[in-house]
Protein backbone atom coordinates (compact mmCIF):
# COMPACT_ATOMS: atom_id res chain seq x y z
CA ASP A 1 236.16 118.46 170.16
CA PHE A 2 237.76 121.11 167.21
CA LEU A 3 237.10 123.63 164.79
CA CYS A 4 239.79 124.68 162.07
CA ILE A 5 240.81 126.62 159.47
CA SER A 6 242.57 125.80 156.75
CA LEU A 7 243.74 126.57 153.05
CA VAL A 8 242.89 123.21 150.96
CA ASN A 9 243.92 122.92 147.15
CA GLY A 10 243.79 126.80 146.94
CA PHE A 11 240.40 127.24 148.43
CA THR A 12 239.35 127.85 152.45
CA GLN A 13 237.59 125.42 154.78
CA LEU A 14 235.97 125.38 157.72
CA ARG A 15 235.75 121.92 159.66
CA TYR A 16 234.36 121.79 162.99
CA ASN A 17 233.61 118.47 165.54
CA LEU A 18 231.09 119.12 168.23
CA GLY A 19 231.48 115.59 169.83
CA ASP A 20 229.60 113.29 167.36
CA LYS A 21 230.46 114.37 163.77
CA THR A 22 233.14 116.36 161.82
CA VAL A 23 231.07 119.25 159.41
CA ILE A 24 233.41 120.63 156.55
CA LEU A 25 232.54 123.89 154.75
CA GLN A 26 234.57 125.05 151.94
CA ALA A 27 234.46 128.54 150.11
CA LEU A 28 233.20 128.44 146.61
CA GLN A 29 236.21 130.84 144.90
CA LYS A 30 239.32 130.38 144.61
CA VAL A 31 242.55 132.06 146.87
CA ARG A 32 244.23 134.47 144.71
CA ALA A 33 247.55 133.43 145.74
CA ASN A 34 249.67 136.33 144.39
CA GLY A 35 251.06 137.92 147.52
CA ASN A 36 250.15 140.76 147.43
CA THR A 37 245.97 140.13 147.61
CA TRP A 38 244.34 140.46 151.17
CA HIS A 39 241.10 138.44 151.61
CA LEU A 40 238.48 138.78 154.35
CA LEU A 41 237.30 135.73 155.79
CA LYS A 42 234.43 135.42 158.21
CA ALA A 43 233.71 131.96 160.00
CA GLY A 44 232.02 129.85 162.63
CA ARG A 45 229.53 128.35 163.90
CA ALA A 46 225.89 129.12 166.29
CA GLY A 47 225.42 125.96 167.62
CA ASN A 48 225.99 123.29 165.34
CA GLU A 49 225.35 125.15 162.22
CA GLY A 50 228.54 126.69 160.76
CA TYR A 51 229.05 129.66 158.25
CA LEU A 52 232.21 130.66 155.92
CA ASP A 53 231.78 133.41 154.38
CA LEU A 54 235.43 134.20 151.65
CA ASP A 55 235.49 138.27 150.21
CA GLY A 56 231.21 138.36 151.13
CA ILE A 57 230.74 134.95 149.30
CA ASN A 58 229.29 132.87 152.29
CA VAL A 59 228.77 129.17 152.23
CA THR A 60 226.22 127.43 154.93
CA GLN A 61 225.92 124.52 156.44
CA LYS A 62 222.05 124.26 158.35
CA ALA A 63 222.03 122.67 161.66
CA SER A 64 220.65 119.06 162.07
CA PRO A 65 220.11 117.25 165.20
CA GLY A 66 223.04 116.87 167.20
CA MET A 67 225.75 118.48 169.75
CA ASN A 68 225.76 122.55 169.72
CA VAL A 69 228.63 123.24 172.34
CA LEU A 70 232.28 123.72 171.04
CA ASP A 71 234.01 121.81 174.34
CA THR A 72 237.88 122.57 173.94
CA HIS A 73 240.53 123.31 176.74
CA THR A 74 243.59 124.28 174.48
CA ASP A 75 245.49 127.32 173.58
CA PHE A 76 244.33 129.28 170.08
CA PHE A 77 246.64 128.21 167.39
CA VAL A 78 247.09 130.86 164.51
CA GLY A 79 249.04 129.85 161.66
CA GLY A 80 250.45 126.57 162.77
CA VAL A 81 250.82 124.16 165.91
CA SER A 82 254.05 123.85 168.21
CA SER A 83 253.61 119.79 167.13
CA LEU A 84 252.06 118.57 164.45
CA ASN A 85 250.62 115.96 166.43
CA LEU A 86 248.54 118.12 168.14
CA VAL A 87 246.08 118.29 165.13
CA ASN A 88 243.06 115.94 164.79
CA SER A 89 243.24 113.83 161.74
CA MET A 90 239.50 114.79 160.88
CA ALA A 91 240.62 118.88 161.35
CA ILE A 92 241.99 118.98 157.54
CA GLU A 93 242.07 116.75 154.55
CA ASN A 94 245.84 116.56 154.38
CA GLU A 95 248.83 116.28 155.79
CA PRO A 96 249.49 119.04 158.62
CA ILE A 97 251.65 121.75 157.40
CA GLY A 98 252.11 125.36 158.81
CA PHE A 99 250.41 128.62 157.29
CA THR A 100 252.81 130.58 154.46
CA GLY A 101 251.90 134.46 154.27
CA CYS A 102 250.33 136.95 155.86
CA ILE A 103 247.16 137.03 158.71
CA ARG A 104 245.83 140.35 160.42
CA GLU A 105 242.79 141.46 162.17
CA ILE A 106 242.02 138.12 164.09
CA VAL A 107 238.54 138.97 165.94
CA ILE A 108 236.72 136.45 167.77
CA ASN A 109 233.56 136.52 169.17
CA ASN A 110 233.74 140.57 169.20
CA ARG A 111 237.64 140.64 171.33
CA GLU A 112 240.51 141.86 168.77
CA LEU A 113 243.73 139.83 169.46
CA LYS A 114 246.57 142.01 169.45
CA LEU A 115 249.09 140.59 167.06
CA THR A 116 252.48 141.93 168.64
CA ALA A 117 255.60 140.42 169.49
CA THR A 118 254.52 140.44 173.41
CA ASP A 119 250.55 139.69 173.56
CA PRO A 120 250.40 136.29 172.60
CA LYS A 121 251.45 133.05 174.57
CA GLY A 122 254.03 131.94 172.78
CA GLY A 123 254.86 131.30 168.66
CA ALA A 124 258.04 130.62 166.49
CA ASN A 125 259.25 131.81 162.85
CA VAL A 126 256.90 134.69 162.92
CA GLY A 127 257.90 137.79 161.50
CA ASP A 128 256.33 141.16 160.41
CA CYS A 129 254.46 140.93 156.98
CA ASP A 130 254.04 144.76 156.42
CA GLY A 131 257.92 145.50 156.52
CA THR A 132 257.33 149.08 157.29
CA VAL A 133 256.24 151.26 160.37
CA CYS A 134 252.92 151.78 159.16
CA GLY A 135 251.16 148.62 159.55
CA TYR A 136 247.45 147.50 158.88
CA SER A 137 246.48 149.77 161.84
CA VAL A 138 248.90 152.01 163.22
CA CYS A 139 246.25 155.33 162.06
CA LYS A 140 243.00 154.91 163.66
CA ASN A 141 239.88 155.76 162.29
CA SER A 142 240.52 155.52 158.72
CA GLY A 143 243.52 157.55 159.21
CA THR A 144 246.61 157.22 156.20
CA CYS A 145 250.03 156.42 157.05
CA GLN A 146 252.88 157.50 155.95
CA VAL A 147 256.76 156.60 156.44
CA GLU A 148 259.19 159.24 157.30
CA THR A 149 262.54 159.15 157.92
CA SER A 150 261.98 159.50 161.43
CA GLY A 151 259.30 156.72 161.91
CA PHE A 152 255.50 157.41 160.47
CA SER A 153 252.69 160.25 160.29
CA CYS A 154 249.31 159.92 159.96
CA SER A 155 247.11 162.07 157.45
CA CYS A 156 243.50 161.97 159.74
CA PRO A 157 240.08 162.42 158.22
CA GLN A 158 238.36 165.79 159.03
CA GLU A 159 237.05 164.41 162.24
CA TRP A 160 239.81 163.29 163.51
CA THR A 161 243.15 164.19 165.27
CA GLY A 162 246.06 163.30 167.30
CA THR A 163 249.34 161.45 165.91
CA THR A 164 247.16 158.07 165.43
CA CYS A 165 244.24 159.79 164.61
CA GLU A 166 242.87 158.43 167.89
CA GLU A 167 241.08 161.74 169.27
CA SER A 168 237.68 163.15 168.45
CA VAL A 169 238.07 166.90 166.75
CA HIS A 170 235.31 167.49 169.18
CA CYS A 171 237.41 166.33 172.12
CA SER A 172 240.74 167.80 171.50
CA GLN A 173 239.97 170.58 174.06
CA ASN A 174 237.63 169.29 176.25
CA MET A 175 237.93 170.06 179.87
CA CYS A 176 236.71 167.19 181.40
CA GLY A 177 238.04 165.90 184.85
CA PRO A 178 241.40 164.07 184.27
CA GLN A 179 239.43 160.24 184.76
CA ALA A 180 236.74 161.40 182.97
CA LEU A 181 235.87 160.24 179.53
CA CYS A 182 235.39 162.52 176.35
CA ILE A 183 232.24 161.14 174.13
CA PRO A 184 232.01 163.22 170.96
CA GLN A 185 228.59 164.78 169.37
CA PRO A 186 229.35 165.51 165.83
CA SER A 187 225.73 166.91 165.48
CA SER A 188 226.04 169.44 167.63
CA PHE A 189 229.74 170.13 167.24
CA SER A 190 230.68 169.64 171.03
CA TYR A 191 230.90 166.94 173.53
CA THR A 192 229.39 165.86 177.11
CA CYS A 193 231.94 163.96 179.62
CA VAL A 194 231.35 160.79 181.54
CA CYS A 195 232.30 160.22 184.88
CA ALA A 196 234.45 157.75 186.51
CA LEU A 197 232.69 156.86 189.94
CA GLY A 198 232.61 159.04 193.00
CA TRP A 199 232.96 162.32 190.44
CA SER A 200 229.96 164.34 189.16
CA GLY A 201 229.42 167.44 187.36
CA LYS A 202 228.95 168.49 183.60
CA TYR A 203 232.75 168.16 183.53
CA CYS A 204 233.14 165.60 186.27
CA ASP A 205 234.69 167.74 188.37
CA SER A 206 233.03 167.79 191.62
CA LYS A 207 233.32 164.92 193.93
CA ILE A 208 230.83 162.99 195.45
CA LYS A 209 229.97 159.77 198.24
CA PHE A 210 226.74 157.72 197.86
CA TYR A 211 225.33 154.52 199.33
CA ILE A 212 222.40 154.67 196.58
CA ALA A 213 223.82 154.27 193.51
CA LYS A 214 222.09 155.77 190.57
CA PHE A 215 222.39 154.42 186.98
CA VAL A 216 220.93 156.44 184.25
CA GLY A 217 221.04 153.85 181.33
CA ASN A 218 224.92 153.87 180.11
CA SER A 219 226.46 153.63 183.56
CA TYR A 220 227.87 150.48 185.12
CA ILE A 221 229.98 149.44 188.04
CA LYS A 222 232.47 146.18 187.82
CA TYR A 223 232.99 145.14 191.52
CA THR A 224 235.80 142.54 192.31
CA ASP A 225 235.07 140.49 194.71
CA SER A 226 238.49 140.23 197.21
CA TYR A 227 237.18 137.14 198.91
CA TYR A 228 236.68 134.94 195.92
CA GLY A 229 239.40 132.23 196.66
CA LYS A 230 237.92 131.66 200.13
CA ARG A 231 234.30 131.10 198.85
CA ASP A 232 232.62 128.14 198.30
CA LEU A 233 230.91 128.14 194.89
CA GLN A 234 228.89 125.12 195.19
CA TYR A 235 226.87 127.26 196.98
CA SER A 236 226.70 131.28 196.12
CA ARG A 237 224.22 133.86 196.96
CA ILE A 238 223.79 137.56 196.12
CA SER A 239 220.76 139.80 197.49
CA LEU A 240 220.36 143.79 196.80
CA ASN A 241 217.72 146.09 196.78
CA PHE A 242 216.57 147.96 193.54
CA THR A 243 213.87 150.26 192.20
CA THR A 244 212.71 151.33 188.85
CA ASN A 245 210.47 152.31 186.26
CA GLN A 246 211.57 150.64 183.23
CA THR A 247 210.09 147.37 182.47
CA GLU A 248 213.79 146.40 180.76
CA GLY A 249 217.26 146.10 182.20
CA LEU A 250 220.42 144.16 183.70
CA ILE A 251 220.74 144.55 187.55
CA ALA A 252 223.32 142.61 188.20
CA TRP A 253 225.84 139.81 186.42
CA MET A 254 228.53 137.85 188.59
CA GLY A 255 230.79 136.57 185.90
CA LYS A 256 233.71 137.92 184.29
CA SER A 257 231.83 138.14 180.63
CA GLU A 258 234.95 137.95 178.70
CA ASP A 259 233.84 135.11 176.26
CA GLU A 260 231.11 132.01 176.31
CA ASP A 261 232.67 129.88 179.03
CA ASN A 262 232.32 132.03 181.73
CA ASP A 263 229.76 131.04 183.99
CA PHE A 264 227.48 133.70 185.50
CA LEU A 265 224.48 134.38 187.79
CA ALA A 266 222.32 137.30 185.82
CA ILE A 267 219.70 139.36 187.64
CA GLY A 268 217.65 141.94 185.32
CA ILE A 269 214.14 142.95 184.48
CA ALA A 270 212.31 141.33 181.12
CA ASN A 271 209.17 142.51 179.72
CA GLY A 272 208.23 144.22 182.97
CA THR A 273 209.05 141.10 185.25
CA LEU A 274 212.03 139.90 187.56
CA LYS A 275 214.30 137.45 185.41
CA VAL A 276 217.15 135.34 186.60
CA VAL A 277 219.59 133.21 184.15
CA VAL A 278 222.19 130.83 185.88
CA ASN A 279 225.31 129.34 183.99
CA LEU A 280 227.25 126.68 185.56
CA GLY A 281 229.46 125.61 182.57
CA GLU A 282 227.46 123.95 180.05
CA ARG A 283 227.35 126.91 177.92
CA ILE A 284 223.22 126.76 177.94
CA SER A 285 222.09 129.55 179.85
CA VAL A 286 218.73 128.66 181.82
CA PRO A 287 216.34 131.65 182.08
CA LEU A 288 214.11 131.33 185.63
CA MET A 289 210.89 133.69 185.63
CA ASN A 290 207.55 133.69 186.98
CA ARG A 291 205.38 135.81 185.11
CA LYS A 292 202.55 135.87 187.87
CA TYR A 293 204.92 139.33 189.37
CA PHE A 294 204.53 142.66 187.51
CA THR A 295 205.17 144.46 189.71
CA CYS A 296 209.28 145.52 189.21
CA CYS A 297 208.90 148.95 187.25
CA ASP A 298 206.56 150.51 189.72
CA GLU A 299 209.62 152.57 191.08
CA ARG A 300 209.37 150.46 194.45
CA TRP A 301 212.24 149.26 196.38
CA HIS A 302 212.43 145.72 195.83
CA PHE A 303 214.25 143.21 197.48
CA VAL A 304 215.67 140.05 195.59
CA THR A 305 217.85 137.11 196.17
CA VAL A 306 219.36 134.61 194.41
CA VAL A 307 220.35 131.30 196.42
CA GLN A 308 222.44 128.71 194.16
CA ASN A 309 222.98 125.03 196.22
CA GLN A 310 224.79 123.76 193.47
CA THR A 311 222.46 122.93 190.96
CA CYS A 312 219.36 124.16 192.39
CA ILE A 313 218.52 127.91 192.57
CA LYS A 314 215.72 129.46 194.58
CA VAL A 315 215.06 133.18 193.62
CA TYR A 316 213.25 135.55 196.88
CA LEU A 317 211.02 138.50 195.67
CA ASP A 318 210.52 141.23 198.71
CA GLU A 319 210.86 137.91 200.74
CA GLU A 320 208.92 135.73 199.40
CA LEU A 321 210.27 132.82 197.44
CA ILE A 322 208.99 132.90 193.72
CA LEU A 323 211.04 130.63 191.84
CA PHE A 324 212.85 126.99 192.82
CA GLU A 325 214.26 125.12 190.11
CA ASP A 326 216.80 122.34 189.56
CA ILE A 327 219.15 123.58 186.45
CA ASP A 328 220.21 120.26 186.02
CA PRO A 329 219.31 116.84 187.79
CA GLN A 330 222.41 115.22 186.34
CA ARG A 331 224.86 117.39 188.51
CA LYS A 332 227.11 118.05 185.60
CA TYR A 333 228.48 121.26 186.52
CA THR A 334 227.61 122.47 190.26
CA ALA A 335 230.28 125.18 190.77
CA LEU A 336 229.65 129.22 190.07
CA ASN A 337 233.01 130.09 188.82
CA TYR A 338 232.01 133.99 188.21
CA GLY A 339 236.12 134.62 188.81
CA GLY A 340 235.17 137.35 191.25
CA ILE A 341 233.93 140.00 189.14
CA CYS A 342 230.26 141.64 189.46
CA TYR A 343 228.89 143.95 187.10
CA PHE A 344 225.84 146.11 187.86
CA GLY A 345 223.53 148.28 185.75
CA GLY A 346 224.87 147.16 182.71
CA PHE A 347 229.12 146.68 181.30
CA GLU A 348 231.88 148.40 180.28
CA ILE A 349 231.09 151.92 177.95
CA ARG A 350 230.58 150.43 174.00
CA ARG A 351 230.13 147.13 175.55
CA LYS A 352 225.77 146.88 174.79
CA VAL A 353 224.13 144.66 177.31
CA SER A 354 222.23 143.53 174.33
CA VAL A 355 225.28 141.81 172.56
CA VAL A 356 227.32 140.58 175.74
CA THR A 357 224.24 138.92 177.07
CA ARG A 358 223.42 137.08 174.02
CA GLY A 359 220.05 138.89 173.98
CA LEU A 360 218.97 137.30 177.25
CA PHE A 361 218.48 140.89 178.26
CA GLN A 362 217.97 144.37 175.82
CA LYS A 363 218.92 147.42 177.52
CA GLU A 364 221.28 148.62 180.40
CA PHE A 365 219.34 149.37 183.77
CA VAL A 366 218.08 153.25 184.39
CA GLY A 367 217.14 153.01 188.35
CA LYS A 368 218.89 152.57 191.69
CA ILE A 369 220.84 149.71 193.55
CA LYS A 370 221.55 149.76 197.16
CA ASP A 371 222.16 147.25 200.29
CA VAL A 372 224.25 144.46 197.91
CA VAL A 373 225.26 141.90 199.85
CA LEU A 374 227.74 138.56 198.71
CA PHE A 375 227.36 134.97 199.58
CA GLN A 376 226.78 135.13 203.97
CA ASP A 377 229.17 138.09 204.50
CA SER A 378 228.29 140.20 207.29
CA LYS A 379 228.90 143.38 205.45
CA LYS A 380 227.20 145.03 202.27
CA ILE A 381 229.61 145.84 199.31
CA GLN A 382 230.90 149.70 199.26
CA LEU A 383 230.27 150.06 195.42
CA MET A 384 232.29 153.56 195.81
CA ASP A 385 235.19 151.43 196.52
CA ALA A 386 234.38 149.56 192.55
CA GLU A 387 235.28 150.85 189.02
CA GLY A 388 232.81 152.85 187.42
CA TYR A 389 231.36 155.19 184.92
CA ASN A 390 228.40 157.83 184.83
CA VAL A 391 226.54 155.96 188.40
CA TYR A 392 225.37 158.78 190.95
CA ASP A 393 224.39 159.73 194.09
CA GLY A 394 220.36 158.14 194.59
CA ASN A 395 220.11 159.98 197.49
CA SER A 396 220.36 163.70 195.74
CA GLY A 397 218.55 164.57 192.97
CA ASN A 398 221.19 164.51 190.26
């Protein structure tokens, strides 16, 4: 399998093969190769349907029956490859040669690659394209960069301040605690403080301790499982108690959630019903729902347990078995390689649940969670010891 973007006779071209046939898309217009015109290129695929967009002019390859998973296990190369014989002969039209020109702002699956001298895994014969200390992204938030004898300076728009226009003017004099996040509120010329785990109050200056975690909608806990290396990942298990009055929300996500390759086991509420989704490596998520049970958003405590025995999934709600399904009788993938990461209530600030879960769940969780147990551990996990924001003591009225 491969996915390749190249320049062919002055035209940008996307080629990909998911295991059955090579799909080729070519832009309608030529690239202006004068050395000083920047072009915006967007390319990719959804299943086996591809798209290529150059400077706003889109070309789409409609999906036809066939494979829809890109199964690659290589590094991601930009501008060239370490050895030209690595390139599949169907990935390009002519003999492979390295790219000559400038590339900036590469975003893959909503994550920007850092094009610095130190962040990539490796490379050769790459230099600074801008030629000055400014570069394309030194000044944030549409700030304008000027080269100075001592370096550079940024001229910031009205709403932003700081050396690189990185700070909202509304947060420049904030009183939030040292671990809190300041969120600007431009409409009221003010700000709000988002508290780190273990802190509370308007300015996040009150230390708190809790055993019941209360989530208010833009909250999350990220827990790292210290026993991950010793787990038998073919036999996973998670159990917890939750209560909510909402009909939508992500309760728990076992998995790294960094890209579409990551395995996961997810528990949440969808349309007022308990929903469990499991992905063991096929990139085909299997949602499990029992529509008989519409009792999840009644503000009562509910006890849920999900057991993964290779490809067999059991779901218990209030100690009653409500779902039992073999998600892959072929047993192609049998382990939940979740990377030792568990999220509760949502994901990091500004990462929307609907985007990260690709629509499997629509919203962050609003409610309370307690008594989380992983695998067959004898102790509940200590949610207070994890990373997180905007989580409060579920025993109090805060």
